[in-house]
């Protein structure tokens, strides 16, 4: 059985506390293990923002390589790969623009010396070996969005559901099918806000596109149910489904676990078969896990946090 842990973002102290609360303890090599053989599944976003990024990577990779955990890639690991990969035409796959540098700044600082930068290059190679999603008996795990159409495309393109250098290059091209598939899987669905509505995200950027709740039927939702940031002027209005690029939503009964969305407040299930485990530990929130025993219908008692 599995203990699924949300976005860590360099908060190693909270990760140690949560692992201890879940009854994991370090073995003789310092790798956290469960006495009954349970495994952790990390939902990605180990790096950036937090104070102990290198220690977090040591903990997570030690567990994965030691067989005590599994992990999927987060958008921050994907962004880091693109940021540090040279483009054949010059520059990098992810341009070194000020806001991109700022997003990665704490990770850059954590590996700033020559000796540590070589270690960082080894972590980048390890990121390439992480799957973009996991489908195991009885559950699914993805960083941001399980959309069966894009999961099927990625399975067709990628051996063992892992990135290749060729795919990374193709996915850097705006408008490509590859970038659509990986962006939705690792960052979620977005839709244009109606009219001239906008909001400012957690980093203060003005946004005219909104992440949407892909686990919820938009035809039965208001905008405050379906949008992941509040727009006061639209809050009580029903969603204009005809204006959406896609009205599909997750209807399967296989539980799906994910992170990414910087939720706040009391951790809770989103539906009986879906749960987000990102409760903004990097913004003063909590690090959250779900202790899964094989149940198809998830229960609030499975949520554990520090």
C-alpha atoms as a PDB file:
ATOM      1  CA  UNK A   1       0.000   0.000   0.000  1.00  0.00           C
ATOM      2  CA  UNK A   2       1.056   3.590  -0.533  1.00  0.00           C
ATOM      3  CA  UNK A   3       1.440   6.895   1.276  1.00  0.00           C
ATOM      4  CA  UNK A   4       1.141   9.685  -1.272  1.00  0.00           C
ATOM      5  CA  UNK A   5       2.901  12.969  -0.447  1.00  0.00           C
ATOM      6  CA  UNK A   6       2.262  16.372  -2.012  1.00  0.00           C
ATOM      7  CA  UNK A   7       4.553  19.125  -3.295  1.00  0.00           C
ATOM      8  CA  UNK A   8       7.592  19.610  -1.013  1.00  0.00           C
ATOM      9  CA  UNK A   9       9.439  22.544  -2.642  1.00  0.00           C
ATOM     10  CA  UNK A  10      12.578  22.209  -0.563  1.00  0.00           C
ATOM     11  CA  UNK A  11      10.892  21.859   2.834  1.00  0.00           C
ATOM     12  CA  UNK A  12      12.928  18.919   4.094  1.00  0.00           C
ATOM     13  CA  UNK A  13      12.131  19.502   7.783  1.00  0.00           C
ATOM     14  CA  UNK A  14       8.399  19.168   7.140  1.00  0.00           C
ATOM     15  CA  UNK A  15       9.050  16.101   4.986  1.00  0.00           C
ATOM     16  CA  UNK A  16      10.936  14.415   7.819  1.00  0.00           C
ATOM     17  CA  UNK A  17       8.117  15.268  10.229  1.00  0.00           C
ATOM     18  CA  UNK A  18       5.498  13.862   7.868  1.00  0.00           C
ATOM     19  CA  UNK A  19       7.457  10.671   7.223  1.00  0.00           C
ATOM     20  CA  UNK A  20       7.820  10.173  10.975  1.00  0.00           C
ATOM     21  CA  UNK A  21       4.089  10.748  11.439  1.00  0.00           C
ATOM     22  CA  UNK A  22       3.475   8.084   8.781  1.00  0.00           C
ATOM     23  CA  UNK A  23       5.708   5.649  10.765  1.00  0.00           C
ATOM     24  CA  UNK A  24       8.732   5.781   8.429  1.00  0.00           C
ATOM     25  CA  UNK A  25      12.178   5.835  10.038  1.00  0.00           C
ATOM     26  CA  UNK A  26      15.751   6.048   8.672  1.00  0.00           C
ATOM     27  CA  UNK A  27      17.606   2.776   8.216  1.00  0.00           C
ATOM     28  CA  UNK A  28      21.355   2.286   8.720  1.00  0.00           C
ATOM     29  CA  UNK A  29      22.011   4.196   5.467  1.00  0.00           C
ATOM     30  CA  UNK A  30      19.663   7.080   6.375  1.00  0.00           C
ATOM     31  CA  UNK A  31      16.916   5.991   3.954  1.00  0.00           C
ATOM     32  CA  UNK A  32      13.421   6.364   5.398  1.00  0.00           C
ATOM     33  CA  UNK A  33      11.506   3.071   5.318  1.00  0.00           C
ATOM     34  CA  UNK A  34       8.244   1.741   6.672  1.00  0.00           C
ATOM     35  CA  UNK A  35       8.471  -1.294   8.993  1.00  0.00           C
ATOM     36  CA  UNK A  36       5.571  -3.011   7.203  1.00  0.00           C
ATOM     37  CA  UNK A  37       6.947  -2.384   3.716  1.00  0.00           C
ATOM     38  CA  UNK A  38       4.612   0.412   2.663  1.00  0.00           C
ATOM     39  CA  UNK A  39       5.927   2.761  -0.053  1.00  0.00           C
ATOM     40  CA  UNK A  40       5.684   6.513  -0.466  1.00  0.00           C
ATOM     41  CA  UNK A  41       4.655   7.991  -3.814  1.00  0.00           C
ATOM     42  CA  UNK A  42       5.836  11.574  -4.290  1.00  0.00           C
ATOM     43  CA  UNK A  43       3.720  13.663  -6.678  1.00  0.00           C
ATOM     44  CA  UNK A  44       6.590  15.913  -7.823  1.00  0.00           C
ATOM     45  CA  UNK A  45       7.824  19.486  -7.239  1.00  0.00           C
ATOM     46  CA  UNK A  46      10.748  18.742  -4.932  1.00  0.00           C
ATOM     47  CA  UNK A  47      12.760  21.839  -5.886  1.00  0.00           C
ATOM     48  CA  UNK A  48      12.536  25.676  -5.942  1.00  0.00           C
ATOM     49  CA  UNK A  49      11.238  28.122  -3.338  1.00  0.00           C
ATOM     50  CA  UNK A  50      12.174  26.310  -0.107  1.00  0.00           C
ATOM     51  CA  UNK A  51      15.162  26.523   2.268  1.00  0.00           C
ATOM     52  CA  UNK A  52      16.494  22.938   2.004  1.00  0.00           C
ATOM     53  CA  UNK A  53      16.299  21.886  -1.630  1.00  0.00           C
ATOM     54  CA  UNK A  54      19.465  19.774  -1.673  1.00  0.00           C
ATOM     55  CA  UNK A  55      18.423  17.918   1.494  1.00  0.00           C
ATOM     56  CA  UNK A  56      14.945  17.339   0.031  1.00  0.00           C
ATOM     57  CA  UNK A  57      16.434  15.811  -3.111  1.00  0.00           C
ATOM     58  CA  UNK A  58      18.731  13.620  -1.032  1.00  0.00           C
ATOM     59  CA  UNK A  59      15.761  12.359   0.994  1.00  0.00           C
ATOM     60  CA  UNK A  60      13.451  11.776  -1.951  1.00  0.00           C
ATOM     61  CA  UNK A  61      16.026  10.241  -4.274  1.00  0.00           C
ATOM     62  CA  UNK A  62      17.402   8.083  -1.486  1.00  0.00           C
ATOM     63  CA  UNK A  63      13.952   6.606  -0.903  1.00  0.00           C
ATOM     64  CA  UNK A  64      13.215   6.131  -4.613  1.00  0.00           C
ATOM     65  CA  UNK A  65      16.575   4.595  -5.467  1.00  0.00           C
ATOM     66  CA  UNK A  66      16.395   2.470  -2.314  1.00  0.00           C
ATOM     67  CA  UNK A  67      12.992   1.005  -3.187  1.00  0.00           C
ATOM     68  CA  UNK A  68      11.143   2.735  -0.344  1.00  0.00           C
ATOM     69  CA  UNK A  69       9.310   5.176  -2.625  1.00  0.00           C
ATOM     70  CA  UNK A  70       8.214   6.014  -6.137  1.00  0.00           C
ATOM     71  CA  UNK A  71       7.912   9.473  -7.672  1.00  0.00           C
ATOM     72  CA  UNK A  72       6.448  11.277 -10.663  1.00  0.00           C
ATOM     73  CA  UNK A  73       7.829  14.414 -12.252  1.00  0.00           C
ATOM     74  CA  UNK A  74       6.466  17.831 -11.288  1.00  0.00           C
ATOM     75  CA  UNK A  75       6.368  20.892 -13.486  1.00  0.00           C
ATOM     76  CA  UNK A  76       9.275  22.403 -11.532  1.00  0.00           C
ATOM     77  CA  UNK A  77      11.499  19.443 -12.375  1.00  0.00           C
ATOM     78  CA  UNK A  78      10.350  19.657 -16.002  1.00  0.00           C
ATOM     79  CA  UNK A  79      10.999  23.399 -16.084  1.00  0.00           C
ATOM     80  CA  UNK A  80      14.470  22.845 -14.615  1.00  0.00           C
ATOM     81  CA  UNK A  81      15.322  20.337 -17.333  1.00  0.00           C
ATOM     82  CA  UNK A  82      14.249  22.812 -20.010  1.00  0.00           C
ATOM     83  CA  UNK A  83      16.067  25.682 -18.239  1.00  0.00           C
ATOM     84  CA  UNK A  84      19.402  23.812 -18.218  1.00  0.00           C
ATOM     85  CA  UNK A  85      19.153  22.083 -21.620  1.00  0.00           C
ATOM     86  CA  UNK A  86      20.833  23.883 -24.518  1.00  0.00           C
ATOM     87  CA  UNK A  87      18.765  24.532 -27.619  1.00  0.00           C
ATOM     88  CA  UNK A  88      20.481  23.422 -30.841  1.00  0.00           C
ATOM     89  CA  UNK A  89      19.809  26.883 -32.312  1.00  0.00           C
ATOM     90  CA  UNK A  90      21.368  28.653 -29.301  1.00  0.00           C
ATOM     91  CA  UNK A  91      20.279  29.524 -25.794  1.00  0.00           C
ATOM     92  CA  UNK A  92      18.218  27.104 -23.723  1.00  0.00           C
ATOM     93  CA  UNK A  93      14.934  25.300 -24.239  1.00  0.00           C
ATOM     94  CA  UNK A  94      13.495  27.474 -21.466  1.00  0.00           C
ATOM     95  CA  UNK A  95      14.877  30.985 -22.047  1.00  0.00           C
ATOM     96  CA  UNK A  96      16.763  32.542 -19.144  1.00  0.00           C
ATOM     97  CA  UNK A  97      14.259  35.354 -18.705  1.00  0.00           C
ATOM     98  CA  UNK A  98      14.128  37.197 -15.365  1.00  0.00           C
ATOM     99  CA  UNK A  99      10.920  35.507 -14.163  1.00  0.00           C
ATOM    100  CA  UNK A 100      12.281  32.066 -15.104  1.00  0.00           C
ATOM    101  CA  UNK A 101      15.513  32.763 -13.218  1.00  0.00           C
ATOM    102  CA  UNK A 102      13.506  33.964 -10.220  1.00  0.00           C
ATOM    103  CA  UNK A 103      11.468  30.743 -10.157  1.00  0.00           C
ATOM    104  CA  UNK A 104      14.647  28.661 -10.030  1.00  0.00           C
ATOM    105  CA  UNK A 105      16.675  31.060  -7.869  1.00  0.00           C
ATOM    106  CA  UNK A 106      16.646  29.054  -4.618  1.00  0.00           C
ATOM    107  CA  UNK A 107      17.680  25.907  -6.481  1.00  0.00           C
ATOM    108  CA  UNK A 108      20.477  27.789  -8.250  1.00  0.00           C
ATOM    109  CA  UNK A 109      21.693  29.043  -4.868  1.00  0.00           C
ATOM    110  CA  UNK A 110      21.543  25.551  -3.374  1.00  0.00           C
ATOM    111  CA  UNK A 111      23.994  24.220  -6.000  1.00  0.00           C
ATOM    112  CA  UNK A 112      26.077  27.348  -6.581  1.00  0.00           C
ATOM    113  CA  UNK A 113      29.603  25.931  -6.129  1.00  0.00           C
ATOM    114  CA  UNK A 114      31.405  23.964  -8.843  1.00  0.00           C
ATOM    115  CA  UNK A 115      31.355  20.742  -6.800  1.00  0.00           C
ATOM    116  CA  UNK A 116      27.656  21.070  -6.032  1.00  0.00           C
ATOM    117  CA  UNK A 117      26.814  22.029  -9.607  1.00  0.00           C
ATOM    118  CA  UNK A 118      28.168  18.672 -10.770  1.00  0.00           C
ATOM    119  CA  UNK A 119      25.828  17.093  -8.214  1.00  0.00           C
ATOM    120  CA  UNK A 120      22.984  19.171  -9.660  1.00  0.00           C
ATOM    121  CA  UNK A 121      23.728  17.858 -13.147  1.00  0.00           C
ATOM    122  CA  UNK A 122      23.359  14.344 -11.731  1.00  0.00           C
ATOM    123  CA  UNK A 123      19.958  15.291 -10.303  1.00  0.00           C
ATOM    124  CA  UNK A 124      18.902  16.613 -13.711  1.00  0.00           C
ATOM    125  CA  UNK A 125      19.806  13.226 -15.197  1.00  0.00           C
ATOM    126  CA  UNK A 126      17.733  11.602 -12.437  1.00  0.00           C
ATOM    127  CA  UNK A 127      14.744  13.825 -13.267  1.00  0.00           C
ATOM    128  CA  UNK A 128      14.867  12.444 -16.810  1.00  0.00           C
ATOM    129  CA  UNK A 129      14.291   8.981 -15.363  1.00  0.00           C
ATOM    130  CA  UNK A 130      11.122   9.983 -13.488  1.00  0.00           C
ATOM    131  CA  UNK A 131       7.818   8.986 -15.123  1.00  0.00           C
ATOM    132  CA  UNK A 132       5.321  11.713 -16.002  1.00  0.00           C
ATOM    133  CA  UNK A 133       2.537   9.671 -14.378  1.00  0.00           C
ATOM    134  CA  UNK A 134       1.890   6.325 -12.714  1.00  0.00           C
ATOM    135  CA  UNK A 135      -0.994   3.929 -13.209  1.00  0.00           C
ATOM    136  CA  UNK A 136      -0.769   1.146 -10.649  1.00  0.00           C
ATOM    137  CA  UNK A 137      -3.337  -1.452  -9.607  1.00  0.00           C
ATOM    138  CA  UNK A 138      -6.196   0.527  -8.069  1.00  0.00           C
ATOM    139  CA  UNK A 139      -4.828   4.089  -8.353  1.00  0.00           C
ATOM    140  CA  UNK A 140      -3.379   6.778 -10.599  1.00  0.00           C
ATOM    141  CA  UNK A 141      -0.799   9.460  -9.801  1.00  0.00           C
ATOM    142  CA  UNK A 142       0.054  12.579 -11.798  1.00  0.00           C
ATOM    143  CA  UNK A 143       1.452  15.963 -10.862  1.00  0.00           C
ATOM    144  CA  UNK A 144      -1.377  18.160 -12.166  1.00  0.00           C
ATOM    145  CA  UNK A 145      -3.994  16.615 -14.470  1.00  0.00           C
ATOM    146  CA  UNK A 146      -5.090  13.143 -15.493  1.00  0.00           C
ATOM    147  CA  UNK A 147      -6.701  13.706 -18.884  1.00  0.00           C
ATOM    148  CA  UNK A 148      -6.971  10.349 -20.645  1.00  0.00           C
ATOM    149  CA  UNK A 149      -6.538  11.914 -24.100  1.00  0.00           C
ATOM    150  CA  UNK A 150      -3.140  13.393 -23.283  1.00  0.00           C
ATOM    151  CA  UNK A 151      -2.026  10.442 -21.164  1.00  0.00           C
ATOM    152  CA  UNK A 152      -2.641   8.229 -24.222  1.00  0.00           C
ATOM    153  CA  UNK A 153      -0.572  10.547 -26.427  1.00  0.00           C
ATOM    154  CA  UNK A 154       2.331  10.573 -23.983  1.00  0.00           C
ATOM    155  CA  UNK A 155       2.247   6.777 -23.760  1.00  0.00           C
ATOM    156  CA  UNK A 156       2.506   6.609 -27.537  1.00  0.00           C
ATOM    157  CA  UNK A 157       5.469   9.001 -27.695  1.00  0.00           C
ATOM    158  CA  UNK A 158       7.480   8.119 -24.593  1.00  0.00           C
ATOM    159  CA  UNK A 159       9.149   4.818 -23.663  1.00  0.00           C
ATOM    160  CA  UNK A 160       8.172   3.820 -20.126  1.00  0.00           C
ATOM    161  CA  UNK A 161       6.321   7.167 -19.764  1.00  0.00           C
ATOM    162  CA  UNK A 162       9.658   8.988 -19.305  1.00  0.00           C
ATOM    163  CA  UNK A 163      11.081  11.963 -21.171  1.00  0.00           C
ATOM    164  CA  UNK A 164      13.653  11.664 -23.927  1.00  0.00           C
ATOM    165  CA  UNK A 165      15.940  14.473 -25.161  1.00  0.00           C
ATOM    166  CA  UNK A 166      14.144  14.421 -28.513  1.00  0.00           C
ATOM    167  CA  UNK A 167      10.731  14.823 -26.883  1.00  0.00           C
ATOM    168  CA  UNK A 168      12.011  17.620 -24.633  1.00  0.00           C
ATOM    169  CA  UNK A 169      13.107  19.542 -27.718  1.00  0.00           C
ATOM    170  CA  UNK A 170       9.811  18.978 -29.542  1.00  0.00           C
ATOM    171  CA  UNK A 171       7.889  20.045 -26.441  1.00  0.00           C
ATOM    172  CA  UNK A 172       9.777  23.360 -26.383  1.00  0.00           C
ATOM    173  CA  UNK A 173       8.111  24.425 -29.643  1.00  0.00           C
ATOM    174  CA  UNK A 174       5.052  26.585 -29.116  1.00  0.00           C
ATOM    175  CA  UNK A 175       1.953  25.117 -30.735  1.00  0.00           C
ATOM    176  CA  UNK A 176       3.271  21.557 -30.889  1.00  0.00           C
ATOM    177  CA  UNK A 177       1.126  18.612 -29.839  1.00  0.00           C
ATOM    178  CA  UNK A 178       3.917  17.608 -27.455  1.00  0.00           C
ATOM    179  CA  UNK A 179       3.850  20.872 -25.527  1.00  0.00           C
ATOM    180  CA  UNK A 180       0.060  20.672 -25.181  1.00  0.00           C
ATOM    181  CA  UNK A 181       0.236  17.154 -23.753  1.00  0.00           C
ATOM    182  CA  UNK A 182       3.033  17.803 -21.281  1.00  0.00           C
ATOM    183  CA  UNK A 183       1.716  21.221 -20.195  1.00  0.00           C
ATOM    184  CA  UNK A 184      -1.735  19.857 -19.384  1.00  0.00           C
ATOM    185  CA  UNK A 185      -0.338  16.783 -17.615  1.00  0.00           C
ATOM    186  CA  UNK A 186       2.163  18.748 -15.501  1.00  0.00           C
ATOM    187  CA  UNK A 187       0.400  22.133 -15.200  1.00  0.00           C
ATOM    188  CA  UNK A 188      -3.310  21.484 -15.720  1.00  0.00           C
ATOM    189  CA  UNK A 189      -6.052  22.863 -17.942  1.00  0.00           C
ATOM    190  CA  UNK A 190      -6.454  26.606 -18.376  1.00  0.00           C
ATOM    191  CA  UNK A 191      -9.186  28.638 -20.030  1.00  0.00           C
ATOM    192  CA  UNK A 192      -9.502  32.291 -21.029  1.00  0.00           C
ATOM    193  CA  UNK A 193     -11.339  34.443 -18.533  1.00  0.00           C
ATOM    194  CA  UNK A 194     -14.483  35.998 -20.031  1.00  0.00           C
ATOM    195  CA  UNK A 195     -14.469  39.656 -20.988  1.00  0.00           C
ATOM    196  CA  UNK A 196     -11.692  41.742 -19.451  1.00  0.00           C
ATOM    197  CA  UNK A 197     -11.585  39.794 -16.189  1.00  0.00           C
ATOM    198  CA  UNK A 198      -8.161  39.018 -14.722  1.00  0.00           C
ATOM    199  CA  UNK A 199      -6.479  38.104 -11.446  1.00  0.00           C
ATOM    200  CA  UNK A 200      -3.022  38.252  -9.876  1.00  0.00           C
ATOM    201  CA  UNK A 201      -1.407  34.922  -9.078  1.00  0.00           C
ATOM    202  CA  UNK A 202       0.610  33.939  -5.996  1.00  0.00           C
ATOM    203  CA  UNK A 203       3.722  35.595  -7.490  1.00  0.00           C
ATOM    204  CA  UNK A 204       1.926  38.841  -8.369  1.00  0.00           C
ATOM    205  CA  UNK A 205       1.658  38.187 -12.130  1.00  0.00           C
ATOM    206  CA  UNK A 206      -1.459  39.454 -13.922  1.00  0.00           C
ATOM    207  CA  UNK A 207      -3.305  36.520 -15.481  1.00  0.00           C
ATOM    208  CA  UNK A 208      -6.098  36.410 -18.041  1.00  0.00           C
ATOM    209  CA  UNK A 209      -6.199  32.613 -18.164  1.00  0.00           C
ATOM    210  CA  UNK A 210      -7.495  30.531 -15.268  1.00  0.00           C
ATOM    211  CA  UNK A 211      -6.644  27.007 -14.145  1.00  0.00           C
ATOM    212  CA  UNK A 212      -9.791  24.940 -13.996  1.00  0.00           C
ATOM    213  CA  UNK A 213     -11.021  22.079 -11.827  1.00  0.00           C
ATOM    214  CA  UNK A 214     -10.665  19.186 -14.291  1.00  0.00           C
ATOM    215  CA  UNK A 215     -12.143  16.796 -11.727  1.00  0.00           C
ATOM    216  CA  UNK A 216     -15.484  18.667 -11.644  1.00  0.00           C
ATOM    217  CA  UNK A 217     -18.371  18.694 -14.148  1.00  0.00           C
ATOM    218  CA  UNK A 218     -18.446  22.287 -15.433  1.00  0.00           C
ATOM    219  CA  UNK A 219     -22.078  21.932 -16.495  1.00  0.00           C
ATOM    220  CA  UNK A 220     -23.028  21.482 -12.833  1.00  0.00           C
ATOM    221  CA  UNK A 221     -20.681  24.159 -11.441  1.00  0.00           C
ATOM    222  CA  UNK A 222     -20.509  27.867 -10.830  1.00  0.00           C
ATOM    223  CA  UNK A 223     -17.351  29.806 -11.632  1.00  0.00           C
ATOM    224  CA  UNK A 224     -16.224  29.772  -7.995  1.00  0.00           C
ATOM    225  CA  UNK A 225     -16.483  25.951  -8.086  1.00  0.00           C
ATOM    226  CA  UNK A 226     -14.683  25.595 -11.414  1.00  0.00           C
ATOM    227  CA  UNK A 227     -12.008  28.295 -11.264  1.00  0.00           C
ATOM    228  CA  UNK A 228      -9.039  27.767  -8.973  1.00  0.00           C
ATOM    229  CA  UNK A 229      -8.757  31.449  -8.071  1.00  0.00           C
ATOM    230  CA  UNK A 230     -11.742  33.584  -6.996  1.00  0.00           C
ATOM    231  CA  UNK A 231     -13.180  36.116  -9.447  1.00  0.00           C
ATOM    232  CA  UNK A 232     -15.672  38.011  -7.333  1.00  0.00           C
ATOM    233  CA  UNK A 233     -17.729  39.344 -10.252  1.00  0.00           C
ATOM    234  CA  UNK A 234     -18.302  35.802 -11.588  1.00  0.00           C
ATOM    235  CA  UNK A 235     -18.527  33.874  -8.319  1.00  0.00           C
ATOM    236  CA  UNK A 236     -22.169  32.784  -8.353  1.00  0.00           C
ATOM    237  CA  UNK A 237     -22.649  32.491 -12.100  1.00  0.00           C
ATOM    238  CA  UNK A 238     -22.983  29.096 -13.805  1.00  0.00           C
ATOM    239  CA  UNK A 239     -20.074  28.162 -16.039  1.00  0.00           C
ATOM    240  CA  UNK A 240     -20.566  28.977 -19.727  1.00  0.00           C
ATOM    241  CA  UNK A 241     -19.729  25.487 -20.961  1.00  0.00           C
ATOM    242  CA  UNK A 242     -20.003  26.518 -24.614  1.00  0.00           C
ATOM    243  CA  UNK A 243     -17.082  28.924 -24.135  1.00  0.00           C
ATOM    244  CA  UNK A 244     -14.739  26.232 -22.789  1.00  0.00           C
ATOM    245  CA  UNK A 245     -12.184  24.620 -25.123  1.00  0.00           C
ATOM    246  CA  UNK A 246     -13.158  21.286 -23.583  1.00  0.00           C
ATOM    247  CA  UNK A 247     -15.938  20.354 -21.183  1.00  0.00           C
ATOM    248  CA  UNK A 248     -14.534  16.912 -20.377  1.00  0.00           C
ATOM    249  CA  UNK A 249     -13.803  16.048 -16.765  1.00  0.00           C
ATOM    250  CA  UNK A 250     -12.577  13.096 -14.714  1.00  0.00           C
ATOM    251  CA  UNK A 251     -15.430  10.613 -14.303  1.00  0.00           C
ATOM    252  CA  UNK A 252     -13.535   7.389 -13.604  1.00  0.00           C
ATOM    253  CA  UNK A 253     -13.849   5.576 -10.285  1.00  0.00           C
ATOM    254  CA  UNK A 254     -10.124   4.801 -10.101  1.00  0.00           C
ATOM    255  CA  UNK A 255      -8.702   7.119  -7.408  1.00  0.00           C
ATOM    256  CA  UNK A 256      -6.377   9.796  -8.769  1.00  0.00           C
ATOM    257  CA  UNK A 257      -3.815  11.626  -6.609  1.00  0.00           C
ATOM    258  CA  UNK A 258      -2.088  14.849  -7.625  1.00  0.00           C
ATOM    259  CA  UNK A 259      -0.568  18.103  -6.340  1.00  0.00           C
ATOM    260  CA  UNK A 260       0.330  21.400  -8.036  1.00  0.00           C
ATOM    261  CA  UNK A 261      -2.603  23.676  -7.211  1.00  0.00           C
ATOM    262  CA  UNK A 262      -1.420  25.554  -4.080  1.00  0.00           C
ATOM    263  CA  UNK A 263      -4.666  24.889  -2.224  1.00  0.00           C
ATOM    264  CA  UNK A 264      -5.248  26.582   1.112  1.00  0.00           C
ATOM    265  CA  UNK A 265      -7.301  25.889   4.201  1.00  0.00           C
ATOM    266  CA  UNK A 266      -8.420  22.554   5.591  1.00  0.00           C
ATOM    267  CA  UNK A 267      -7.184  19.590   3.501  1.00  0.00           C
ATOM    268  CA  UNK A 268     -10.140  17.748   2.002  1.00  0.00           C
ATOM    269  CA  UNK A 269     -11.179  15.388  -0.757  1.00  0.00           C
ATOM    270  CA  UNK A 270     -12.225  17.007  -4.027  1.00  0.00           C
ATOM    271  CA  UNK A 271     -14.463  14.106  -5.044  1.00  0.00           C
ATOM    272  CA  UNK A 272     -14.773  10.540  -3.701  1.00  0.00           C
ATOM    273  CA  UNK A 273     -12.150   9.532  -6.306  1.00  0.00           C
ATOM    274  CA  UNK A 274      -9.789  12.522  -6.471  1.00  0.00           C
ATOM    275  CA  UNK A 275      -7.609  14.427  -4.033  1.00  0.00           C
ATOM    276  CA  UNK A 276      -5.067  17.221  -4.365  1.00  0.00           C
ATOM    277  CA  UNK A 277      -2.182  16.950  -1.901  1.00  0.00           C
ATOM    278  CA  UNK A 278      -0.637  20.403  -2.449  1.00  0.00           C
ATOM    279  CA  UNK A 279      -1.562  22.680   0.456  1.00  0.00           C
ATOM    280  CA  UNK A 280       1.093  25.344  -0.073  1.00  0.00           C
ATOM    281  CA  UNK A 281       3.828  24.291   2.343  1.00  0.00           C
ATOM    282  CA  UNK A 282       6.128  26.735   0.510  1.00  0.00           C
ATOM    283  CA  UNK A 283       3.720  29.598   1.291  1.00  0.00           C
ATOM    284  CA  UNK A 284       3.201  28.883   4.984  1.00  0.00           C
ATOM    285  CA  UNK A 285       0.680  26.074   4.513  1.00  0.00           C
ATOM    286  CA  UNK A 286       0.923  22.364   5.316  1.00  0.00           C
ATOM    287  CA  UNK A 287       2.641  19.335   3.818  1.00  0.00           C
ATOM    288  CA  UNK A 288      -0.112  16.801   3.163  1.00  0.00           C
ATOM    289  CA  UNK A 289      -0.226  13.062   2.506  1.00  0.00           C
ATOM    290  CA  UNK A 290      -2.912  10.485   1.873  1.00  0.00           C
ATOM    291  CA  UNK A 291      -2.521   7.057   3.493  1.00  0.00           C
ATOM    292  CA  UNK A 292      -4.019   4.644   0.952  1.00  0.00           C
ATOM    293  CA  UNK A 293      -5.051   1.126   1.900  1.00  0.00           C
ATOM    294  CA  UNK A 294      -6.430   0.055  -1.480  1.00  0.00           C
ATOM    295  CA  UNK A 295      -9.854   1.677  -1.186  1.00  0.00           C
ATOM    296  CA  UNK A 296     -11.656   2.754  -4.356  1.00  0.00           C
ATOM    297  CA  UNK A 297     -13.688   5.421  -2.563  1.00  0.00           C
ATOM    298  CA  UNK A 298     -11.380   7.815  -0.738  1.00  0.00           C
ATOM    299  CA  UNK A 299     -12.104   8.927   2.820  1.00  0.00           C
ATOM    300  CA  UNK A 300     -11.166  12.122   4.700  1.00  0.00           C
ATOM    301  CA  UNK A 301      -9.559  10.004   7.420  1.00  0.00           C
ATOM    302  CA  UNK A 302      -6.814   9.102   4.949  1.00  0.00           C
ATOM    303  CA  UNK A 303      -5.463  12.665   4.949  1.00  0.00           C
ATOM    304  CA  UNK A 304      -2.388  13.289   7.121  1.00  0.00           C
ATOM    305  CA  UNK A 305      -0.609  16.633   7.472  1.00  0.00           C
ATOM    306  CA  UNK A 306       2.105  18.548   9.269  1.00  0.00           C
END
